[in-house]
């Protein structure tokens, strides 16, 4: 049985706030697409850790790093987020 961690990330855009839930692998897939399509820094995403990946302290640390990662992406694309990022953040559910 393999277990995996789902990260619950708070997203803020203007006056709107909501949460998204994703596995690290989802972040990795998003990052790969943004690196190839939008030429963002490939070192921006926090690295994948194998040892102790489910320890509470590591999960909390990575969650904070992933929140910073998403906020950094939103700053990089202030006007129009790339389609892959918009979908990842569920903009279609919240922005009218």
Protein backbone atom coordinates (compact mmCIF):
# COMPACT_ATOMS: atom_id res chain seq x y z
CA UNK A 1 0.00 0.00 0.00
CA UNK A 2 1.49 3.32 -0.98
CA UNK A 3 0.44 6.39 0.88
CA UNK A 4 0.72 9.90 -0.43
CA UNK A 5 0.40 13.36 1.00
CA UNK A 6 -2.19 15.84 -0.23
CA UNK A 7 -1.27 19.47 0.36
CA UNK A 8 -4.05 21.93 1.15
CA UNK A 9 -2.87 25.32 -0.09
CA UNK A 10 -4.50 28.67 0.59
CA UNK A 11 -4.66 30.80 -2.57
CA UNK A 12 -5.20 34.57 -2.50
CA UNK A 13 -5.88 36.73 -5.53
CA UNK A 14 -7.04 40.25 -4.81
CA UNK A 15 -9.94 39.98 -2.37
CA UNK A 16 -10.58 36.34 -3.22
CA UNK A 17 -9.31 33.43 -1.13
CA UNK A 18 -9.82 29.71 -1.53
CA UNK A 19 -7.99 26.45 -1.04
CA UNK A 20 -6.70 23.92 -3.53
CA UNK A 21 -5.68 20.35 -2.75
CA UNK A 22 -2.92 18.67 -4.72
CA UNK A 23 -0.31 15.97 -4.38
CA UNK A 24 3.34 16.92 -4.79
CA UNK A 25 3.34 15.10 -8.14
CA UNK A 26 0.63 17.53 -9.35
CA UNK A 27 2.90 20.45 -8.47
CA UNK A 28 5.76 18.73 -10.26
CA UNK A 29 3.67 18.22 -13.41
CA UNK A 30 2.54 21.86 -13.33
CA UNK A 31 6.12 23.01 -12.86
CA UNK A 32 7.42 20.93 -15.78
CA UNK A 33 4.81 22.49 -18.08
CA UNK A 34 5.58 26.04 -16.89
CA UNK A 35 9.32 25.51 -17.28
CA UNK A 36 8.91 24.32 -20.87
CA UNK A 37 6.11 26.69 -21.94
CA UNK A 38 6.82 29.85 -19.93
CA UNK A 39 10.56 29.49 -19.22
CA UNK A 40 10.20 29.90 -15.45
CA UNK A 41 13.15 29.03 -13.23
CA UNK A 42 13.35 25.25 -12.94
CA UNK A 43 14.70 25.60 -9.39
CA UNK A 44 11.61 27.45 -8.20
CA UNK A 45 9.75 24.32 -7.11
CA UNK A 46 10.83 22.92 -3.72
CA UNK A 47 12.77 19.67 -4.30
CA UNK A 48 11.22 16.26 -3.94
CA UNK A 49 12.29 14.56 -0.74
CA UNK A 50 12.23 10.82 -0.31
CA UNK A 51 13.43 10.19 3.26
CA UNK A 52 10.91 11.03 5.96
CA UNK A 53 8.50 12.42 3.39
CA UNK A 54 5.49 11.82 5.60
CA UNK A 55 6.91 13.24 8.82
CA UNK A 56 4.68 15.98 10.21
CA UNK A 57 7.43 18.62 10.27
CA UNK A 58 8.47 17.91 6.67
CA UNK A 59 4.85 17.99 5.49
CA UNK A 60 4.29 21.38 7.19
CA UNK A 61 7.56 22.77 5.81
CA UNK A 62 6.80 21.59 2.28
CA UNK A 63 3.25 22.96 2.49
CA UNK A 64 4.64 26.42 3.30
CA UNK A 65 7.19 26.11 0.48
CA UNK A 66 4.46 25.13 -1.98
CA UNK A 67 2.34 28.11 -0.88
CA UNK A 68 5.32 30.39 -1.53
CA UNK A 69 5.83 28.68 -4.90
CA UNK A 70 2.24 29.40 -5.97
CA UNK A 71 2.35 32.99 -4.71
CA UNK A 72 5.60 33.49 -6.66
CA UNK A 73 3.90 32.18 -9.81
CA UNK A 74 0.98 34.56 -9.30
CA UNK A 75 3.42 37.47 -8.99
CA UNK A 76 5.18 36.36 -12.20
CA UNK A 77 1.87 36.32 -14.09
CA UNK A 78 -0.02 39.28 -12.58
CA UNK A 79 -2.42 39.92 -15.45
CA UNK A 80 -3.12 36.60 -17.11
CA UNK A 81 -2.07 33.30 -15.59
CA UNK A 82 -1.09 30.59 -18.06
CA UNK A 83 -3.96 28.19 -18.76
CA UNK A 84 -2.21 25.29 -16.98
CA UNK A 85 -1.76 27.43 -13.84
CA UNK A 86 -5.34 28.74 -13.96
CA UNK A 87 -6.65 25.19 -14.16
CA UNK A 88 -4.37 24.04 -11.32
CA UNK A 89 -5.64 26.86 -9.09
CA UNK A 90 -9.27 26.21 -10.07
CA UNK A 91 -9.76 29.80 -11.31
CA UNK A 92 -12.68 28.59 -13.42
CA UNK A 93 -14.58 27.81 -10.19
CA UNK A 94 -14.00 31.14 -8.46
CA UNK A 95 -13.37 33.94 -10.94
CA UNK A 96 -16.34 35.25 -12.85
